[in-house]
């Protein structure tokens, strides 16, 4: 989280809205541990990482949707999940990512 604070502050000062995504669970082999964090601005700028690249695009899309509708969501990506496999989660495990708009 500390690694993205400067980006959050910069986006906030520029008047942008931000969504935060955090790994909240890992089952089996996963690319990142619980607590890994990524933030996305309403302009699609990204800081941090929740998967080291394999599901980042899908998480960015979820973050932008969360900013659009104002609702948090719990996303699950696993090897057997067709979408996760399509975006590259081939490590054999499952990750759960909580995405929410950041309330200033």
N, C-alpha and C. Protein backbone atom coordinates (compact mmCIF):
# COMPACT_ATOMS: atom_id res chain seq x y z
N UNK A 1 0.82 -1.20 0.00
CA UNK A 1 0.00 0.00 0.00
C UNK A 1 0.86 1.25 0.00
N UNK A 2 1.95 1.23 0.74
CA UNK A 2 2.80 2.42 0.82
C UNK A 2 3.32 2.84 -0.55
N UNK A 3 3.52 1.86 -1.43
CA UNK A 3 4.06 2.13 -2.76
C UNK A 3 3.12 2.91 -3.66
N UNK A 4 1.84 2.95 -3.32
CA UNK A 4 0.88 3.65 -4.18
C UNK A 4 0.35 4.94 -3.56
N UNK A 5 0.75 5.25 -2.35
CA UNK A 5 0.22 6.44 -1.67
C UNK A 5 0.53 7.73 -2.42
N UNK A 6 1.73 7.85 -2.95
CA UNK A 6 2.09 9.07 -3.68
C UNK A 6 1.21 9.25 -4.91
N UNK A 7 0.90 8.14 -5.59
CA UNK A 7 0.04 8.22 -6.77
C UNK A 7 -1.38 8.62 -6.37
N UNK A 8 -1.88 8.05 -5.28
CA UNK A 8 -3.22 8.40 -4.80
C UNK A 8 -3.28 9.89 -4.48
N UNK A 9 -2.29 10.39 -3.77
CA UNK A 9 -2.26 11.81 -3.41
C UNK A 9 -2.20 12.70 -4.65
N UNK A 10 -1.39 12.31 -5.61
CA UNK A 10 -1.24 13.11 -6.84
C UNK A 10 -2.56 13.14 -7.61
N UNK A 11 -3.22 11.99 -7.73
CA UNK A 11 -4.50 11.94 -8.44
C UNK A 11 -5.57 12.71 -7.68
N UNK A 12 -5.55 12.60 -6.35
CA UNK A 12 -6.53 13.32 -5.55
C UNK A 12 -6.36 14.83 -5.74
N UNK A 13 -5.13 15.31 -5.68
CA UNK A 13 -4.85 16.73 -5.85
C UNK A 13 -5.28 17.22 -7.23
N UNK A 14 -5.24 16.35 -8.23
CA UNK A 14 -5.64 16.71 -9.59
C UNK A 14 -7.15 16.59 -9.79
N UNK A 15 -7.87 16.17 -8.74
CA UNK A 15 -9.32 16.08 -8.81
C UNK A 15 -9.87 14.79 -9.38
N UNK A 16 -9.02 13.77 -9.45
CA UNK A 16 -9.47 12.49 -10.00
C UNK A 16 -10.03 11.57 -8.92
N UNK A 17 -10.92 10.70 -9.35
CA UNK A 17 -11.42 9.66 -8.46
C UNK A 17 -10.52 8.45 -8.61
N UNK A 18 -10.49 7.61 -7.57
CA UNK A 18 -9.58 6.47 -7.53
C UNK A 18 -10.30 5.25 -7.00
N UNK A 19 -9.98 4.10 -7.60
CA UNK A 19 -10.44 2.82 -7.06
C UNK A 19 -9.22 2.07 -6.56
N UNK A 20 -9.42 1.32 -5.50
CA UNK A 20 -8.34 0.52 -4.93
C UNK A 20 -8.72 -0.95 -5.03
N UNK A 21 -7.75 -1.76 -5.42
CA UNK A 21 -7.95 -3.21 -5.54
C UNK A 21 -6.92 -3.89 -4.64
N UNK A 22 -7.39 -4.83 -3.82
CA UNK A 22 -6.50 -5.54 -2.91
C UNK A 22 -6.73 -7.04 -3.01
N UNK A 23 -5.64 -7.79 -3.02
CA UNK A 23 -5.75 -9.24 -2.93
C UNK A 23 -6.18 -9.55 -1.51
N UNK A 24 -7.32 -10.22 -1.37
CA UNK A 24 -7.84 -10.55 -0.04
C UNK A 24 -7.80 -12.05 0.25
N UNK A 25 -7.44 -12.83 -0.76
CA UNK A 25 -7.32 -14.26 -0.54
C UNK A 25 -6.59 -14.94 -1.67
N UNK A 26 -5.82 -15.95 -1.31
CA UNK A 26 -5.09 -16.76 -2.29
C UNK A 26 -5.29 -18.22 -1.91
N UNK A 27 -5.72 -19.01 -2.87
CA UNK A 27 -5.88 -20.44 -2.65
C UNK A 27 -4.92 -21.14 -3.59
N UNK A 28 -4.06 -21.97 -3.05
CA UNK A 28 -3.06 -22.64 -3.88
C UNK A 28 -1.95 -21.68 -4.26
N UNK A 29 -1.41 -21.89 -5.44
CA UNK A 29 -0.33 -21.06 -5.93
C UNK A 29 -0.89 -19.78 -6.53
N UNK A 30 -0.37 -18.65 -6.08
CA UNK A 30 -0.84 -17.36 -6.59
C UNK A 30 0.33 -16.46 -6.91
N UNK A 31 0.14 -15.51 -7.80
CA UNK A 31 1.23 -14.62 -8.20
C UNK A 31 1.63 -13.61 -7.13
N UNK A 32 0.72 -13.25 -6.25
CA UNK A 32 1.00 -12.29 -5.17
C UNK A 32 0.29 -12.73 -3.90
N UNK A 33 0.80 -12.30 -2.77
CA UNK A 33 0.19 -12.63 -1.49
C UNK A 33 -0.98 -11.70 -1.18
N UNK A 34 -1.81 -12.12 -0.24
CA UNK A 34 -2.88 -11.25 0.25
C UNK A 34 -2.27 -9.94 0.71
N UNK A 35 -2.96 -8.85 0.41
CA UNK A 35 -2.48 -7.52 0.76
C UNK A 35 -1.88 -6.78 -0.42
N UNK A 36 -1.52 -7.48 -1.49
CA UNK A 36 -0.99 -6.80 -2.68
C UNK A 36 -2.05 -5.80 -3.15
N UNK A 37 -1.61 -4.61 -3.53
CA UNK A 37 -2.53 -3.51 -3.82
C UNK A 37 -2.23 -2.85 -5.16
N UNK A 38 -3.31 -2.48 -5.83
CA UNK A 38 -3.22 -1.72 -7.07
C UNK A 38 -4.27 -0.61 -6.98
N UNK A 39 -3.95 0.56 -7.50
CA UNK A 39 -4.92 1.65 -7.57
C UNK A 39 -5.07 2.09 -9.02
N UNK A 40 -6.29 2.54 -9.35
CA UNK A 40 -6.61 2.93 -10.72
C UNK A 40 -7.33 4.26 -10.66
N UNK A 41 -6.87 5.22 -11.46
CA UNK A 41 -7.55 6.52 -11.51
C UNK A 41 -8.71 6.44 -12.50
N UNK A 42 -9.58 7.43 -12.42
CA UNK A 42 -10.72 7.46 -13.35
C UNK A 42 -10.30 7.70 -14.79
N UNK A 43 -9.02 8.02 -15.00
CA UNK A 43 -8.49 8.16 -16.36
C UNK A 43 -7.76 6.90 -16.81
N UNK A 44 -7.79 5.85 -15.98
CA UNK A 44 -7.16 4.59 -16.35
C UNK A 44 -5.70 4.48 -16.00
N UNK A 45 -5.16 5.45 -15.27
CA UNK A 45 -3.78 5.33 -14.81
C UNK A 45 -3.72 4.27 -13.71
N UNK A 46 -2.62 3.53 -13.66
CA UNK A 46 -2.50 2.41 -12.73
C UNK A 46 -1.19 2.52 -11.95
N UNK A 47 -1.26 2.18 -10.67
CA UNK A 47 -0.06 2.07 -9.83
C UNK A 47 -0.21 0.82 -8.98
N UNK A 48 0.88 0.15 -8.74
CA UNK A 48 0.86 -1.07 -7.94
C UNK A 48 0.50 -2.28 -8.79
N UNK A 49 0.32 -3.42 -8.11
CA UNK A 49 0.04 -4.66 -8.82
C UNK A 49 -0.64 -5.66 -7.89
N UNK A 50 -1.60 -6.38 -8.43
CA UNK A 50 -2.24 -7.44 -7.65
C UNK A 50 -1.86 -8.83 -8.15
N UNK A 51 -1.23 -8.89 -9.33
CA UNK A 51 -0.92 -10.22 -9.87
C UNK A 51 0.39 -10.29 -10.64
N UNK A 52 1.15 -9.24 -10.65
CA UNK A 52 2.38 -9.26 -11.42
C UNK A 52 2.15 -9.24 -12.91
N UNK A 53 0.93 -8.93 -13.33
CA UNK A 53 0.63 -8.77 -14.74
C UNK A 53 -0.40 -9.71 -15.30
N UNK A 54 -0.63 -10.87 -14.69
CA UNK A 54 -1.48 -11.86 -15.35
C UNK A 54 -2.96 -11.53 -15.36
N UNK A 55 -3.48 -10.82 -14.38
CA UNK A 55 -4.91 -10.42 -14.41
C UNK A 55 -5.10 -8.92 -14.25
N UNK A 56 -4.03 -8.17 -14.39
CA UNK A 56 -4.11 -6.73 -14.17
C UNK A 56 -5.17 -6.06 -15.06
N UNK A 57 -5.21 -6.43 -16.32
CA UNK A 57 -6.17 -5.81 -17.23
C UNK A 57 -7.60 -6.02 -16.79
N UNK A 58 -7.91 -7.22 -16.34
CA UNK A 58 -9.27 -7.52 -15.87
C UNK A 58 -9.58 -6.73 -14.60
N UNK A 59 -8.59 -6.57 -13.73
CA UNK A 59 -8.80 -5.81 -12.49
C UNK A 59 -8.97 -4.33 -12.79
N UNK A 60 -8.23 -3.80 -13.75
CA UNK A 60 -8.41 -2.40 -14.16
C UNK A 60 -9.84 -2.20 -14.66
N UNK A 61 -10.34 -3.11 -15.46
CA UNK A 61 -11.71 -3.00 -15.97
C UNK A 61 -12.71 -3.02 -14.82
N UNK A 62 -12.51 -3.88 -13.84
CA UNK A 62 -13.39 -3.93 -12.67
C UNK A 62 -13.31 -2.63 -11.87
N UNK A 63 -12.10 -2.08 -11.75
CA UNK A 63 -11.92 -0.82 -11.01
C UNK A 63 -12.65 0.33 -11.70
N UNK A 64 -12.55 0.40 -13.01
CA UNK A 64 -13.24 1.46 -13.74
C UNK A 64 -14.76 1.30 -13.63
N UNK A 65 -15.24 0.06 -13.63
CA UNK A 65 -16.68 -0.17 -13.44
C UNK A 65 -17.10 0.25 -12.03
N UNK A 66 -16.26 -0.04 -11.03
CA UNK A 66 -16.57 0.35 -9.66
C UNK A 66 -16.65 1.87 -9.54
N UNK A 67 -15.77 2.58 -10.26
CA UNK A 67 -15.83 4.04 -10.24
C UNK A 67 -17.09 4.53 -10.93
N UNK A 68 -17.51 3.83 -11.98
CA UNK A 68 -18.70 4.25 -12.73
C UNK A 68 -19.98 4.03 -11.94
N UNK A 69 -20.08 2.89 -11.24
CA UNK A 69 -21.35 2.59 -10.54
C UNK A 69 -21.29 2.82 -9.04
N UNK A 70 -20.07 3.11 -8.52
CA UNK A 70 -19.94 3.42 -7.10
C UNK A 70 -20.03 2.22 -6.18
N UNK A 71 -20.05 1.01 -6.74
CA UNK A 71 -20.22 -0.19 -5.92
C UNK A 71 -18.93 -1.01 -5.82
N UNK A 72 -18.59 -1.45 -4.62
CA UNK A 72 -17.44 -2.36 -4.48
C UNK A 72 -17.79 -3.73 -5.03
N UNK A 73 -16.79 -4.52 -5.29
CA UNK A 73 -17.01 -5.87 -5.80
C UNK A 73 -15.88 -6.80 -5.39
N UNK A 74 -16.20 -8.06 -5.24
CA UNK A 74 -15.22 -9.10 -4.95
C UNK A 74 -15.07 -9.94 -6.20
N UNK A 75 -13.87 -9.97 -6.74
CA UNK A 75 -13.59 -10.68 -7.99
C UNK A 75 -12.73 -11.90 -7.70
N UNK A 76 -13.02 -12.98 -8.37
CA UNK A 76 -12.26 -14.21 -8.20
C UNK A 76 -11.67 -14.62 -9.54
N UNK A 77 -10.37 -14.90 -9.53
CA UNK A 77 -9.67 -15.35 -10.73
C UNK A 77 -8.95 -16.64 -10.39
N UNK A 78 -9.20 -17.67 -11.19
CA UNK A 78 -8.55 -18.95 -10.96
C UNK A 78 -8.24 -19.65 -12.25
N UNK A 79 -7.47 -20.69 -12.17
CA UNK A 79 -7.04 -21.43 -13.35
C UNK A 79 -8.21 -21.98 -14.15
N UNK A 80 -9.25 -22.41 -13.45
CA UNK A 80 -10.40 -22.98 -14.15
C UNK A 80 -11.38 -21.92 -14.66
N UNK A 81 -11.20 -20.69 -14.23
CA UNK A 81 -12.04 -19.59 -14.67
C UNK A 81 -11.60 -19.19 -16.08
N UNK A 82 -12.48 -19.34 -17.08
CA UNK A 82 -12.11 -19.06 -18.46
C UNK A 82 -11.55 -17.66 -18.64
N UNK A 83 -12.16 -16.67 -17.99
CA UNK A 83 -11.67 -15.30 -18.14
C UNK A 83 -10.27 -15.17 -17.57
N UNK A 84 -10.04 -15.75 -16.39
CA UNK A 84 -8.71 -15.65 -15.78
C UNK A 84 -7.68 -16.34 -16.65
N UNK A 85 -8.02 -17.51 -17.18
CA UNK A 85 -7.09 -18.22 -18.05
C UNK A 85 -6.80 -17.37 -19.29
N UNK A 86 -7.83 -16.74 -19.83
CA UNK A 86 -7.66 -15.92 -21.03
C UNK A 86 -6.72 -14.75 -20.78
N UNK A 87 -6.73 -14.21 -19.55
CA UNK A 87 -5.84 -13.08 -19.27
C UNK A 87 -4.52 -13.53 -18.64
N UNK A 88 -4.34 -14.86 -18.48
CA UNK A 88 -3.01 -15.34 -18.13
C UNK A 88 -2.79 -15.91 -16.75
N UNK A 89 -3.82 -16.16 -15.93
CA UNK A 89 -3.59 -16.71 -14.60
C UNK A 89 -3.42 -18.22 -14.74
N UNK A 90 -2.20 -18.64 -15.03
CA UNK A 90 -1.92 -20.05 -15.27
C UNK A 90 -1.11 -20.68 -14.14
N UNK A 91 -1.01 -20.01 -13.00
CA UNK A 91 -0.19 -20.51 -11.90
C UNK A 91 -0.86 -21.69 -11.18
N UNK A 92 -2.12 -21.94 -11.49
CA UNK A 92 -2.80 -23.09 -10.90
C UNK A 92 -3.61 -22.76 -9.67
N UNK A 93 -3.51 -21.56 -9.14
CA UNK A 93 -4.24 -21.19 -7.94
C UNK A 93 -5.42 -20.28 -8.25
N UNK A 94 -5.96 -19.73 -7.18
CA UNK A 94 -7.09 -18.81 -7.29
C UNK A 94 -6.78 -17.59 -6.43
N UNK A 95 -7.07 -16.40 -6.96
CA UNK A 95 -6.93 -15.19 -6.16
C UNK A 95 -8.27 -14.49 -6.08
N UNK A 96 -8.50 -13.88 -4.93
CA UNK A 96 -9.71 -13.06 -4.74
C UNK A 96 -9.25 -11.62 -4.54
N UNK A 97 -9.87 -10.73 -5.29
CA UNK A 97 -9.47 -9.31 -5.27
C UNK A 97 -10.69 -8.47 -4.94
N UNK A 98 -10.59 -7.65 -3.88
CA UNK A 98 -11.66 -6.74 -3.51
C UNK A 98 -11.37 -5.39 -4.14
N UNK A 99 -12.33 -4.89 -4.91
CA UNK A 99 -12.18 -3.62 -5.63
C UNK A 99 -13.24 -2.65 -5.13
N UNK A 100 -12.82 -1.43 -4.78
CA UNK A 100 -13.77 -0.45 -4.30
C UNK A 100 -13.33 0.96 -4.65
N UNK A 101 -14.30 1.84 -4.88
CA UNK A 101 -13.97 3.25 -5.06
C UNK A 101 -13.40 3.79 -3.75
N UNK A 102 -12.37 4.60 -3.84
CA UNK A 102 -11.77 5.19 -2.65
C UNK A 102 -12.54 6.43 -2.28
N UNK A 103 -13.03 6.49 -1.07
CA UNK A 103 -13.79 7.63 -0.59
C UNK A 103 -12.83 8.57 0.12
N UNK A 104 -12.70 9.78 -0.42
CA UNK A 104 -11.76 10.74 0.18
C UNK A 104 -12.22 11.11 1.56
